[in-house]
PDB file of N, CA and C in Angstrom:
ATOM      1  N   VAL A   1     -30.398 -20.101 -26.634  1.00  0.00           N
ATOM      2  CA  VAL A   1     -29.835 -20.211 -25.312  1.00  0.00           C
ATOM      3  C   VAL A   1     -28.315 -20.078 -25.377  1.00  0.00           C
ATOM      4  N   LYS A   2     -27.732 -20.730 -26.374  1.00  0.00           N
ATOM      5  CA  LYS A   2     -26.286 -20.668 -26.512  1.00  0.00           C
ATOM      6  C   LYS A   2     -25.830 -19.235 -26.779  1.00  0.00           C
ATOM      7  N   GLN A   3     -26.560 -18.498 -27.600  1.00  0.00           N
ATOM      8  CA  GLN A   3     -26.223 -17.118 -27.920  1.00  0.00           C
ATOM      9  C   GLN A   3     -26.286 -16.249 -26.663  1.00  0.00           C
ATOM     10  N   LEU A   4     -27.305 -16.457 -25.858  1.00  0.00           N
ATOM     11  CA  LEU A   4     -27.458 -15.711 -24.609  1.00  0.00           C
ATOM     12  C   LEU A   4     -26.298 -16.020 -23.665  1.00  0.00           C
ATOM     13  N   TYR A   5     -25.932 -17.282 -23.584  1.00  0.00           N
ATOM     14  CA  TYR A   5     -24.800 -17.694 -22.757  1.00  0.00           C
ATOM     15  C   TYR A   5     -23.518 -16.997 -23.209  1.00  0.00           C
ATOM     16  N   LEU A   6     -23.290 -16.951 -24.513  1.00  0.00           N
ATOM     17  CA  LEU A   6     -22.089 -16.306 -25.038  1.00  0.00           C
ATOM     18  C   LEU A   6     -22.089 -14.803 -24.754  1.00  0.00           C
ATOM     19  N   GLN A   7     -23.246 -14.160 -24.825  1.00  0.00           N
ATOM     20  CA  GLN A   7     -23.341 -12.735 -24.517  1.00  0.00           C
ATOM     21  C   GLN A   7     -23.025 -12.469 -23.038  1.00  0.00           C
ATOM     22  N   VAL A   8     -23.578 -13.314 -22.173  1.00  0.00           N
ATOM     23  CA  VAL A   8     -23.342 -13.144 -20.732  1.00  0.00           C
ATOM     24  C   VAL A   8     -21.868 -13.360 -20.402  1.00  0.00           C
ATOM     25  N   THR A   9     -21.271 -14.399 -20.963  1.00  0.00           N
ATOM     26  CA  THR A   9     -19.861 -14.666 -20.681  1.00  0.00           C
ATOM     27  C   THR A   9     -18.971 -13.548 -21.219  1.00  0.00           C
ATOM     28  N   LYS A  10     -19.332 -12.990 -22.364  1.00  0.00           N
ATOM     29  CA  LYS A  10     -18.562 -11.879 -22.922  1.00  0.00           C
ATOM     30  C   LYS A  10     -18.634 -10.666 -21.995  1.00  0.00           C
ATOM     31  N   ARG A  11     -19.819 -10.366 -21.504  1.00  0.00           N
ATOM     32  CA  ARG A  11     -19.977  -9.228 -20.581  1.00  0.00           C
ATOM     33  C   ARG A  11     -19.234  -9.471 -19.268  1.00  0.00           C
ATOM     34  N   MET A  12     -19.296 -10.684 -18.791  1.00  0.00           N
ATOM     35  CA  MET A  12     -18.586 -11.005 -17.551  1.00  0.00           C
ATOM     36  C   MET A  12     -17.081 -10.860 -17.727  1.00  0.00           C
ATOM     37  N   LYS A  13     -16.566 -11.288 -18.865  1.00  0.00           N
ATOM     38  CA  LYS A  13     -15.132 -11.162 -19.142  1.00  0.00           C
ATOM     39  C   LYS A  13     -14.738  -9.692 -19.264  1.00  0.00           C
ATOM     40  N   GLU A  14     -15.570  -8.890 -19.917  1.00  0.00           N
ATOM     41  CA  GLU A  14     -15.295  -7.457 -20.035  1.00  0.00           C
ATOM     42  C   GLU A  14     -15.268  -6.799 -18.659  1.00  0.00           C
ATOM     43  N   TYR A  15     -16.207  -7.184 -17.807  1.00  0.00           N
ATOM     44  CA  TYR A  15     -16.270  -6.645 -16.452  1.00  0.00           C
ATOM     45  C   TYR A  15     -15.028  -7.052 -15.662  1.00  0.00           C
ATOM     46  N   GLU A  16     -14.633  -8.305 -15.774  1.00  0.00           N
ATOM     47  CA  GLU A  16     -13.441  -8.801 -15.094  1.00  0.00           C
ATOM     48  C   GLU A  16     -12.205  -8.040 -15.556  1.00  0.00           C
ATOM     49  N   ASP A  17     -12.068  -7.843 -16.863  1.00  0.00           N
ATOM     50  CA  ASP A  17     -10.930  -7.108 -17.417  1.00  0.00           C
ATOM     51  C   ASP A  17     -10.909  -5.667 -16.924  1.00  0.00           C
ATOM     52  N   GLN A  18     -12.090  -5.063 -16.867  1.00  0.00           N
ATOM     53  CA  GLN A  18     -12.187  -3.674 -16.396  1.00  0.00           C
ATOM     54  C   GLN A  18     -11.749  -3.582 -14.929  1.00  0.00           C
ATOM     55  N   LYS A  19     -12.220  -4.483 -14.095  1.00  0.00           N
ATOM     56  CA  LYS A  19     -11.858  -4.489 -12.670  1.00  0.00           C
ATOM     57  C   LYS A  19     -10.362  -4.740 -12.496  1.00  0.00           C
ATOM     58  N   TYR A  20      -9.803  -5.655 -13.273  1.00  0.00           N
ATOM     59  CA  TYR A  20      -8.377  -5.938 -13.198  1.00  0.00           C
ATOM     60  C   TYR A  20      -7.567  -4.700 -13.582  1.00  0.00           C
ATOM     61  N   ASP A  21      -7.953  -4.036 -14.687  1.00  0.00           N
ATOM     62  CA  ASP A  21      -7.242  -2.831 -15.121  1.00  0.00           C
ATOM     63  C   ASP A  21      -7.295  -1.740 -14.056  1.00  0.00           C
ATOM     64  N   GLN A  22      -8.456  -1.587 -13.412  1.00  0.00           N
ATOM     65  CA  GLN A  22      -8.571  -0.595 -12.337  1.00  0.00           C
ATOM     66  C   GLN A  22      -7.653  -0.949 -11.176  1.00  0.00           C
ATOM     67  N   TRP A  23      -7.618  -2.218 -10.804  1.00  0.00           N
ATOM     68  CA  TRP A  23      -6.758  -2.648  -9.706  1.00  0.00           C
ATOM     69  C   TRP A  23      -5.287  -2.424 -10.052  1.00  0.00           C
ATOM     70  N   ARG A  24      -4.893  -2.855 -11.245  1.00  0.00           N
ATOM     71  CA  ARG A  24      -3.492  -2.716 -11.660  1.00  0.00           C
ATOM     72  C   ARG A  24      -3.064  -1.255 -11.668  1.00  0.00           C
ATOM     73  N   HIS A  25      -3.887  -0.398 -12.272  1.00  0.00           N
ATOM     74  CA  HIS A  25      -3.554   1.025 -12.353  1.00  0.00           C
ATOM     75  C   HIS A  25      -3.480   1.646 -10.955  1.00  0.00           C
ATOM     76  N   GLY A  26      -4.472   1.346 -10.118  1.00  0.00           N
ATOM     77  CA  GLY A  26      -4.481   1.889  -8.761  1.00  0.00           C
ATOM     78  C   GLY A  26      -3.289   1.425  -7.939  1.00  0.00           C
ATOM     79  N   THR A  27      -2.934   0.154  -8.091  1.00  0.00           N
ATOM     80  CA  THR A  27      -1.799  -0.404  -7.365  1.00  0.00           C
ATOM     81  C   THR A  27      -0.496   0.239  -7.823  1.00  0.00           C
ATOM     82  N   GLU A  28      -0.342   0.407  -9.124  1.00  0.00           N
ATOM     83  CA  GLU A  28       0.873   1.031  -9.642  1.00  0.00           C
ATOM     84  C   GLU A  28       1.001   2.483  -9.188  1.00  0.00           C
ATOM     85  N   GLN A  29      -0.123   3.149  -8.961  1.00  0.00           N
ATOM     86  CA  GLN A  29      -0.099   4.550  -8.537  1.00  0.00           C
ATOM     87  C   GLN A  29       0.181   4.695  -7.045  1.00  0.00           C
ATOM     88  N   ILE A  30      -0.492   3.893  -6.219  1.00  0.00           N
ATOM     89  CA  ILE A  30      -0.430   4.108  -4.774  1.00  0.00           C
ATOM     90  C   ILE A  30       0.725   3.386  -4.089  1.00  0.00           C
ATOM     91  N   LEU A  31       1.152   2.258  -4.603  1.00  0.00           N
ATOM     92  CA  LEU A  31       2.178   1.470  -3.922  1.00  0.00           C
ATOM     93  C   LEU A  31       3.490   2.233  -3.738  1.00  0.00           C
ATOM     94  N   PRO A  32       4.013   2.916  -4.747  1.00  0.00           N
ATOM     95  CA  PRO A  32       5.247   3.684  -4.510  1.00  0.00           C
ATOM     96  C   PRO A  32       5.070   4.748  -3.423  1.00  0.00           C
ATOM     97  N   LEU A  33       3.900   5.353  -3.345  1.00  0.00           N
ATOM     98  CA  LEU A  33       3.645   6.364  -2.316  1.00  0.00           C
ATOM     99  C   LEU A  33       3.613   5.736  -0.928  1.00  0.00           C
ATOM    100  N   LEU A  34       2.985   4.564  -0.825  1.00  0.00           N
ATOM    101  CA  LEU A  34       2.922   3.882   0.468  1.00  0.00           C
ATOM    102  C   LEU A  34       4.310   3.456   0.941  1.00  0.00           C
ATOM    103  N   LEU A  35       5.146   3.040   0.010  1.00  0.00           N
ATOM    104  CA  LEU A  35       6.485   2.588   0.375  1.00  0.00           C
ATOM    105  C   LEU A  35       7.392   3.740   0.776  1.00  0.00           C
ATOM    106  N   LYS A  36       7.094   4.942   0.323  1.00  0.00           N
ATOM    107  CA  LYS A  36       7.913   6.112   0.657  1.00  0.00           C
ATOM    108  C   LYS A  36       7.501   6.767   1.970  1.00  0.00           C
ATOM    109  N   LYS A  37       6.320   6.409   2.484  1.00  0.00           N
ATOM    110  CA  LYS A  37       5.849   7.023   3.724  1.00  0.00           C
ATOM    111  C   LYS A  37       6.781   6.696   4.876  1.00  0.00           C
ATOM    112  N   SER A  38       6.952   7.662   5.756  1.00  0.00           N
ATOM    113  CA  SER A  38       7.742   7.450   6.960  1.00  0.00           C
ATOM    114  C   SER A  38       6.985   6.487   7.876  1.00  0.00           C
ATOM    115  N   LEU A  39       7.705   5.563   8.472  1.00  0.00           N
ATOM    116  CA  LEU A  39       7.072   4.530   9.281  1.00  0.00           C
ATOM    117  C   LEU A  39       6.677   5.008  10.674  1.00  0.00           C
ATOM    118  N   LEU A  40       7.426   5.957  11.216  1.00  0.00           N
ATOM    119  CA  LEU A  40       7.137   6.455  12.552  1.00  0.00           C
ATOM    120  C   LEU A  40       6.725   7.914  12.506  1.00  0.00           C
ATOM    121  N   THR A  41       5.765   8.265  13.349  1.00  0.00           N
ATOM    122  CA  THR A  41       5.345   9.645  13.526  1.00  0.00           C
ATOM    123  C   THR A  41       5.504   9.976  15.000  1.00  0.00           C
ATOM    124  N   VAL A  42       6.183  11.082  15.278  1.00  0.00           N
ATOM    125  CA  VAL A  42       6.364  11.532  16.646  1.00  0.00           C
ATOM    126  C   VAL A  42       5.277  12.542  16.950  1.00  0.00           C
ATOM    127  N   VAL A  43       4.585  12.355  18.069  1.00  0.00           N
ATOM    128  CA  VAL A  43       3.540  13.285  18.476  1.00  0.00           C
ATOM    129  C   VAL A  43       4.038  14.025  19.715  1.00  0.00           C
ATOM    130  N   THR A  44       4.183  15.334  19.588  1.00  0.00           N
ATOM    131  CA  THR A  44       4.614  16.159  20.717  1.00  0.00           C
ATOM    132  C   THR A  44       3.711  17.369  20.807  1.00  0.00           C
ATOM    133  N   GLY A  45       3.009  17.497  21.887  1.00  0.00           N
ATOM    134  CA  GLY A  45       2.158  18.661  22.108  1.00  0.00           C
ATOM    135  C   GLY A  45       1.146  18.907  21.007  1.00  0.00           C
ATOM    136  N   GLY A  46       0.622  17.854  20.408  1.00  0.00           N
ATOM    137  CA  GLY A  46      -0.394  17.998  19.377  1.00  0.00           C
ATOM    138  C   GLY A  46       0.164  18.139  17.977  1.00  0.00           C
ATOM    139  N   ALA A  47       1.496  18.332  17.833  1.00  0.00           N
ATOM    140  CA  ALA A  47       2.101  18.448  16.509  1.00  0.00           C
ATOM    141  C   ALA A  47       2.744  17.118  16.135  1.00  0.00           C
ATOM    142  N   ALA A  48       2.628  16.754  14.902  1.00  0.00           N
ATOM    143  CA  ALA A  48       3.197  15.487  14.443  1.00  0.00           C
ATOM    144  C   ALA A  48       4.502  15.748  13.712  1.00  0.00           C
ATOM    145  N   THR A  49       5.471  14.884  13.941  1.00  0.00           N
ATOM    146  CA  THR A  49       6.753  14.945  13.269  1.00  0.00           C
ATOM    147  C   THR A  49       7.022  13.582  12.665  1.00  0.00           C
ATOM    148  N   LEU A  50       7.387  13.555  11.400  1.00  0.00           N
ATOM    149  CA  LEU A  50       7.671  12.291  10.731  1.00  0.00           C
ATOM    150  C   LEU A  50       9.148  11.959  10.877  1.00  0.00           C
ATOM    151  N   ILE A  51       9.453  10.692  11.153  1.00  0.00           N
ATOM    152  CA  ILE A  51      10.819  10.215  11.297  1.00  0.00           C
ATOM    153  C   ILE A  51      11.103   9.222  10.172  1.00  0.00           C
ATOM    154  N   ASN A  52      12.170   9.490   9.401  1.00  0.00           N
ATOM    155  CA  ASN A  52      12.587   8.560   8.366  1.00  0.00           C
ATOM    156  C   ASN A  52      13.320   7.415   9.047  1.00  0.00           C
ATOM    157  N   PRO A  53      12.842   6.164   8.926  1.00  0.00           N
ATOM    158  CA  PRO A  53      13.443   5.050   9.652  1.00  0.00           C
ATOM    159  C   PRO A  53      14.856   4.699   9.194  1.00  0.00           C
ATOM    160  N   GLU A  54      15.232   5.087   7.996  1.00  0.00           N
ATOM    161  CA  GLU A  54      16.559   4.753   7.496  1.00  0.00           C
ATOM    162  C   GLU A  54      17.609   5.753   7.976  1.00  0.00           C
ATOM    163  N   THR A  55      17.255   7.035   7.998  1.00  0.00           N
ATOM    164  CA  THR A  55      18.223   8.067   8.355  1.00  0.00           C
ATOM    165  C   THR A  55      17.934   8.703   9.704  1.00  0.00           C
ATOM    166  N   PHE A  56      16.777   8.435  10.267  1.00  0.00           N
ATOM    167  CA  PHE A  56      16.299   9.029  11.511  1.00  0.00           C
ATOM    168  C   PHE A  56      16.219  10.551  11.426  1.00  0.00           C
ATOM    169  N   GLU A  57      16.088  11.068  10.204  1.00  0.00           N
ATOM    170  CA  GLU A  57      15.871  12.495  10.028  1.00  0.00           C
ATOM    171  C   GLU A  57      14.422  12.807  10.323  1.00  0.00           C
ATOM    172  N   GLN A  58      14.168  14.019  10.763  1.00  0.00           N
ATOM    173  CA  GLN A  58      12.805  14.398  11.118  1.00  0.00           C
ATOM    174  C   GLN A  58      12.280  15.458  10.169  1.00  0.00           C
ATOM    175  N   THR A  59      10.993  15.421   9.961  1.00  0.00           N
ATOM    176  CA  THR A  59      10.294  16.428   9.185  1.00  0.00           C
ATOM    177  C   THR A  59       9.127  16.883  10.041  1.00  0.00           C
ATOM    178  N   SER A  60       9.128  18.146  10.385  1.00  0.00           N
ATOM    179  CA  SER A  60       8.095  18.653  11.281  1.00  0.00           C
ATOM    180  C   SER A  60       7.274  19.707  10.584  1.00  0.00           C
ATOM    181  N   VAL A  61       6.002  19.697  10.847  1.00  0.00           N
ATOM    182  CA  VAL A  61       5.123  20.720  10.302  1.00  0.00           C
ATOM    183  C   VAL A  61       5.465  22.062  10.926  1.00  0.00           C
ATOM    184  N   THR A  62       5.862  22.053  12.187  1.00  0.00           N
ATOM    185  CA  THR A  62       6.171  23.293  12.901  1.00  0.00           C
ATOM    186  C   THR A  62       7.637  23.675  12.748  1.00  0.00           C
ATOM    187  N   GLU A  63       8.455  22.820  12.181  1.00  0.00           N
ATOM    188  CA  GLU A  63       9.889  23.018  11.990  1.00  0.00           C
ATOM    189  C   GLU A  63      10.632  23.222  13.312  1.00  0.00           C
ATOM    190  N   GLU A  64      10.064  22.746  14.421  1.00  0.00           N
ATOM    191  CA  GLU A  64      10.735  22.805  15.704  1.00  0.00           C
ATOM    192  C   GLU A  64      11.495  21.501  15.900  1.00  0.00           C
ATOM    193  N   PRO A  65      12.697  21.564  16.490  1.00  0.00           N
ATOM    194  CA  PRO A  65      13.437  20.320  16.711  1.00  0.00           C
ATOM    195  C   PRO A  65      12.723  19.440  17.729  1.00  0.00           C
ATOM    196  N   VAL A  66      12.815  18.150  17.500  1.00  0.00           N
ATOM    197  CA  VAL A  66      12.208  17.191  18.417  1.00  0.00           C
ATOM    198  C   VAL A  66      13.284  16.758  19.390  1.00  0.00           C
ATOM    199  N   THR A  67      12.997  16.903  20.661  1.00  0.00           N
ATOM    200  CA  THR A  67      13.930  16.452  21.683  1.00  0.00           C
ATOM    201  C   THR A  67      13.416  15.133  22.244  1.00  0.00           C
ATOM    202  N   ILE A  68      14.333  14.327  22.672  1.00  0.00           N
ATOM    203  CA  ILE A  68      13.953  13.035  23.227  1.00  0.00           C
ATOM    204  C   ILE A  68      13.599  13.249  24.700  1.00  0.00           C
ATOM    205  N   GLU A  69      12.336  13.154  24.983  1.00  0.00           N
ATOM    206  CA  GLU A  69      11.838  13.306  26.344  1.00  0.00           C
ATOM    207  C   GLU A  69      10.918  12.134  26.645  1.00  0.00           C
ATOM    208  N   LYS A  70      10.586  11.998  27.904  1.00  0.00           N
ATOM    209  CA  LYS A  70       9.679  10.935  28.284  1.00  0.00           C
ATOM    210  C   LYS A  70       8.265  11.200  27.784  1.00  0.00           C
ATOM    211  N   SER A  71       7.945  12.466  27.489  1.00  0.00           N
ATOM    212  CA  SER A  71       6.592  12.799  27.057  1.00  0.00           C
ATOM    213  C   SER A  71       6.383  12.610  25.550  1.00  0.00           C
ATOM    214  N   VAL A  72       7.434  12.280  24.829  1.00  0.00           N
ATOM    215  CA  VAL A  72       7.324  12.098  23.383  1.00  0.00           C
ATOM    216  C   VAL A  72       6.662  10.756  23.106  1.00  0.00           C
ATOM    217  N   GLN A  73       5.706  10.758  22.190  1.00  0.00           N
ATOM    218  CA  GLN A  73       5.012   9.528  21.823  1.00  0.00           C
ATOM    219  C   GLN A  73       5.258   9.238  20.348  1.00  0.00           C
ATOM    220  N   PHE A  74       5.423   7.975  20.038  1.00  0.00           N
ATOM    221  CA  PHE A  74       5.589   7.544  18.661  1.00  0.00           C
ATOM    222  C   PHE A  74       4.320   6.834  18.222  1.00  0.00           C
ATOM    223  N   ILE A  75       3.926   7.083  17.004  1.00  0.00           N
ATOM    224  CA  ILE A  75       2.772   6.412  16.413  1.00  0.00           C
ATOM    225  C   ILE A  75       3.246   5.719  15.139  1.00  0.00           C
ATOM    226  N   VAL A  76       2.845   4.478  14.971  1.00  0.00           N
ATOM    227  CA  VAL A  76       3.192   3.755  13.751  1.00  0.00           C
ATOM    228  C   VAL A  76       2.339   4.289  12.607  1.00  0.00           C
ATOM    229  N   ASN A  77       2.998   4.673  11.539  1.00  0.00           N
ATOM    230  CA  ASN A  77       2.345   5.285  10.384  1.00  0.00           C
ATOM    231  C   ASN A  77       2.305   4.256   9.244  1.00  0.00           C
ATOM    232  N   PHE A  78       1.632   3.124   9.478  1.00  0.00           N
ATOM    233  CA  PHE A  78       1.586   2.036   8.501  1.00  0.00           C
ATOM    234  C   PHE A  78       0.186   1.938   7.922  1.00  0.00           C
ATOM    235  N   SER A  79       0.088   2.036   6.628  1.00  0.00           N
ATOM    236  CA  SER A  79      -1.216   2.011   5.971  1.00  0.00           C
ATOM    237  C   SER A  79      -1.735   0.579   5.828  1.00  0.00           C
ATOM    238  N   PRO A  80      -2.978   0.331   6.240  1.00  0.00           N
ATOM    239  CA  PRO A  80      -3.558  -1.002   6.033  1.00  0.00           C
ATOM    240  C   PRO A  80      -3.725  -1.330   4.552  1.00  0.00           C
ATOM    241  N   ARG A  81      -3.675  -0.324   3.718  1.00  0.00           N
ATOM    242  CA  ARG A  81      -3.789  -0.542   2.263  1.00  0.00           C
ATOM    243  C   ARG A  81      -2.625  -1.387   1.755  1.00  0.00           C
ATOM    244  N   LEU A  82      -1.462  -1.272   2.390  1.00  0.00           N
ATOM    245  CA  LEU A  82      -0.309  -2.072   1.979  1.00  0.00           C
ATOM    246  C   LEU A  82      -0.581  -3.556   2.192  1.00  0.00           C
ATOM    247  N   GLN A  83      -1.202  -3.902   3.300  1.00  0.00           N
ATOM    248  CA  GLN A  83      -1.552  -5.296   3.557  1.00  0.00           C
ATOM    249  C   GLN A  83      -2.579  -5.785   2.536  1.00  0.00           C
ATOM    250  N   GLU A  84      -3.542  -4.941   2.199  1.00  0.00           N
ATOM    251  CA  GLU A  84      -4.550  -5.304   1.195  1.00  0.00           C
ATOM    252  C   GLU A  84      -3.891  -5.592  -0.149  1.00  0.00           C
ATOM    253  N   ILE A  85      -2.950  -4.751  -0.535  1.00  0.00           N
ATOM    254  CA  ILE A  85      -2.275  -4.932  -1.826  1.00  0.00           C
ATOM    255  C   ILE A  85      -1.488  -6.233  -1.841  1.00  0.00           C
ATOM    256  N   ILE A  86      -0.844  -6.570  -0.744  1.00  0.00           N
ATOM    257  CA  ILE A  86      -0.091  -7.824  -0.673  1.00  0.00           C
ATOM    258  C   ILE A  86      -1.034  -9.014  -0.864  1.00  0.00           C
ATOM    259  N   ILE A  87      -2.139  -9.013  -0.162  1.00  0.00           N
ATOM    260  CA  ILE A  87      -3.107 -10.114  -0.270  1.00  0.00           C
ATOM    261  C   ILE A  87      -3.703 -10.177  -1.681  1.00  0.00           C
ATOM    262  N   GLU A  88      -4.097  -9.026  -2.211  1.00  0.00           N
ATOM    263  CA  GLU A  88      -4.680  -8.983  -3.559  1.00  0.00           C
ATOM    264  C   GLU A  88      -3.678  -9.468  -4.601  1.00  0.00           C
ATOM    265  N   THR A  89      -2.422  -9.086  -4.452  1.00  0.00           N
ATOM    266  CA  THR A  89      -1.390  -9.501  -5.410  1.00  0.00           C
ATOM    267  C   THR A  89      -1.234 -11.014  -5.407  1.00  0.00           C
ATOM    268  N   LYS A  90      -1.214 -11.602  -4.224  1.00  0.00           N
ATOM    269  CA  LYS A  90      -1.091 -13.061  -4.146  1.00  0.00           C
ATOM    270  C   LYS A  90      -2.271 -13.754  -4.813  1.00  0.00           C
ATOM    271  N   TYR A  91      -3.477 -13.227  -4.589  1.00  0.00           N
ATOM    272  CA  TYR A  91      -4.657 -13.829  -5.220  1.00  0.00           C
ATOM    273  C   TYR A  91      -4.645 -13.628  -6.736  1.00  0.00           C
ATOM    274  N   MET A  92      -4.242 -12.458  -7.189  1.00  0.00           N
ATOM    275  CA  MET A  92      -4.183 -12.205  -8.633  1.00  0.00           C
ATOM    276  C   MET A  92      -3.214 -13.169  -9.315  1.00  0.00           C
ATOM    277  N   GLU A  93      -2.076 -13.397  -8.680  1.00  0.00           N
ATOM    278  CA  GLU A  93      -1.114 -14.340  -9.256  1.00  0.00           C
ATOM    279  C   GLU A  93      -1.685 -15.756  -9.275  1.00  0.00           C
ATOM    280  N   GLN A  94      -2.391 -16.147  -8.218  1.00  0.00           N
ATOM    281  CA  GLN A  94      -2.999 -17.476  -8.188  1.00  0.00           C
ATOM    282  C   GLN A  94      -4.045 -17.633  -9.288  1.00  0.00           C
ATOM    283  N   LEU A  95      -4.730 -16.535  -9.613  1.00  0.00           N
ATOM    284  CA  LEU A  95      -5.738 -16.572 -10.671  1.00  0.00           C
ATOM    285  C   LEU A  95      -5.124 -16.457 -12.067  1.00  0.00           C
ATOM    286  N   GLY A  96      -3.815 -16.254 -12.129  1.00  0.00           N
ATOM    287  CA  GLY A  96      -3.134 -16.217 -13.421  1.00  0.00           C
ATOM    288  C   GLY A  96      -3.036 -14.837 -14.051  1.00  0.00           C
ATOM    289  N   PHE A  97      -3.371 -13.796 -13.309  1.00  0.00           N
ATOM    290  CA  PHE A  97      -3.264 -12.442 -13.844  1.00  0.00           C
ATOM    291  C   PHE A  97      -1.829 -11.941 -13.718  1.00  0.00           C
ATOM    292  N   PRO A  98      -1.350 -11.214 -14.698  1.00  0.00           N
ATOM    293  CA  PRO A  98      -0.029 -10.579 -14.536  1.00  0.00           C
ATOM    294  C   PRO A  98      -0.161  -9.439 -13.530  1.00  0.00           C
ATOM    295  N   VAL A  99       0.796  -9.331 -12.622  1.00  0.00           N
ATOM    296  CA  VAL A  99       0.754  -8.277 -11.612  1.00  0.00           C
ATOM    297  C   VAL A  99       1.937  -7.342 -11.815  1.00  0.00           C
ATOM    298  N   PRO A 100       1.801  -6.085 -11.401  1.00  0.00           N
ATOM    299  CA  PRO A 100       2.925  -5.155 -11.523  1.00  0.00           C
ATOM    300  C   PRO A 100       4.138  -5.677 -10.755  1.00  0.00           C
ATOM    301  N   GLU A 101       5.301  -5.428 -11.299  1.00  0.00           N
ATOM    302  CA  GLU A 101       6.544  -5.926 -10.696  1.00  0.00           C
ATOM    303  C   GLU A 101       6.721  -5.424  -9.264  1.00  0.00           C
ATOM    304  N   ILE A 102       6.391  -4.165  -9.010  1.00  0.00           N
ATOM    305  CA  ILE A 102       6.548  -3.606  -7.666  1.00  0.00           C
ATOM    306  C   ILE A 102       5.620  -4.320  -6.678  1.00  0.00           C
ATOM    307  N   ALA A 103       4.415  -4.671  -7.111  1.00  0.00           N
ATOM    308  CA  ALA A 103       3.483  -5.390  -6.251  1.00  0.00           C
ATOM    309  C   ALA A 103       3.996  -6.800  -5.974  1.00  0.00           C
ATOM    310  N   ARG A 104       4.561  -7.435  -6.974  1.00  0.00           N
ATOM    311  CA  ARG A 104       5.115  -8.780  -6.789  1.00  0.00           C
ATOM    312  C   ARG A 104       6.270  -8.736  -5.784  1.00  0.00           C
ATOM    313  N   ASN A 105       7.148  -7.741  -5.919  1.00  0.00           N
ATOM    314  CA  ASN A 105       8.288  -7.626  -5.012  1.00  0.00           C
ATOM    315  C   ASN A 105       7.838  -7.403  -3.565  1.00  0.00           C
ATOM    316  N   VAL A 106       6.830  -6.571  -3.377  1.00  0.00           N
ATOM    317  CA  VAL A 106       6.316  -6.317  -2.030  1.00  0.00           C
ATOM    318  C   VAL A 106       5.664  -7.583  -1.476  1.00  0.00           C
ATOM    319  N   ALA A 107       4.902  -8.280  -2.287  1.00  0.00           N
ATOM    320  CA  ALA A 107       4.230  -9.505  -1.839  1.00  0.00           C
ATOM    321  C   ALA A 107       5.253 -10.578  -1.464  1.00  0.00           C
ATOM    322  N   LEU A 108       6.361 -10.635  -2.187  1.00  0.00           N
ATOM    323  CA  LEU A 108       7.397 -11.605  -1.863  1.00  0.00           C
ATOM    324  C   LEU A 108       8.092 -11.279  -0.537  1.00  0.00           C
ATOM    325  N   GLN A 109       8.017 -10.022  -0.133  1.00  0.00           N
ATOM    326  CA  GLN A 109       8.606  -9.597   1.131  1.00  0.00           C
ATOM    327  C   GLN A 109       7.547  -9.400   2.224  1.00  0.00           C
ATOM    328  N   GLU A 110       6.475 -10.143   2.118  1.00  0.00           N
ATOM    329  CA  GLU A 110       5.358 -10.011   3.049  1.00  0.00           C
ATOM    330  C   GLU A 110       5.810 -10.077   4.507  1.00  0.00           C
ATOM    331  N   ASP A 111       6.679 -11.011   4.842  1.00  0.00           N
ATOM    332  CA  ASP A 111       7.133 -11.150   6.231  1.00  0.00           C
ATOM    333  C   ASP A 111       7.848  -9.889   6.710  1.00  0.00           C
ATOM    334  N   LYS A 112       8.574  -9.251   5.818  1.00  0.00           N
ATOM    335  CA  LYS A 112       9.297  -8.025   6.172  1.00  0.00           C
ATOM    336  C   LYS A 112       8.323  -6.897   6.510  1.00  0.00           C
ATOM    337  N   TYR A 113       7.244  -6.792   5.736  1.00  0.00           N
ATOM    338  CA  TYR A 113       6.295  -5.703   5.928  1.00  0.00           C
ATOM    339  C   TYR A 113       5.258  -5.983   7.008  1.00  0.00           C
ATOM    340  N   LEU A 114       4.828  -7.227   7.103  1.00  0.00           N
ATOM    341  CA  LEU A 114       3.760  -7.552   8.043  1.00  0.00           C
ATOM    342  C   LEU A 114       4.235  -8.316   9.261  1.00  0.00           C
ATOM    343  N   GLY A 115       5.488  -8.770   9.197  1.00  0.00           N
ATOM    344  CA  GLY A 115       6.170  -9.449  10.283  1.00  0.00           C
ATOM    345  C   GLY A 115       5.348 -10.297  11.103  1.00  0.00           C
TER     346      GLY A 115
END
């Protein structure tokens, strides 16, 4: 019985380590991309234009200038994955797992991102 218990616990630990490695690798890959995404998207006549919130520069698929009109609509371009990563990072730290530095920094600024 003891041998069986040790085998099961070993497999469970291997599974836990595998899941943690997948999470860490995925977080390290996607988080920088999510942080670089433009926060606002302008929708004009079916075409989307991205607005950089820091410089207010625009990037348009059609390369047409965006004019400020009453018909212009803004859409928030915020990925729910960012909120998931913040929550997961907090739980990983509570469980004693080392988390990527970028994930820790984002989680510490939770109020800034999720307000």
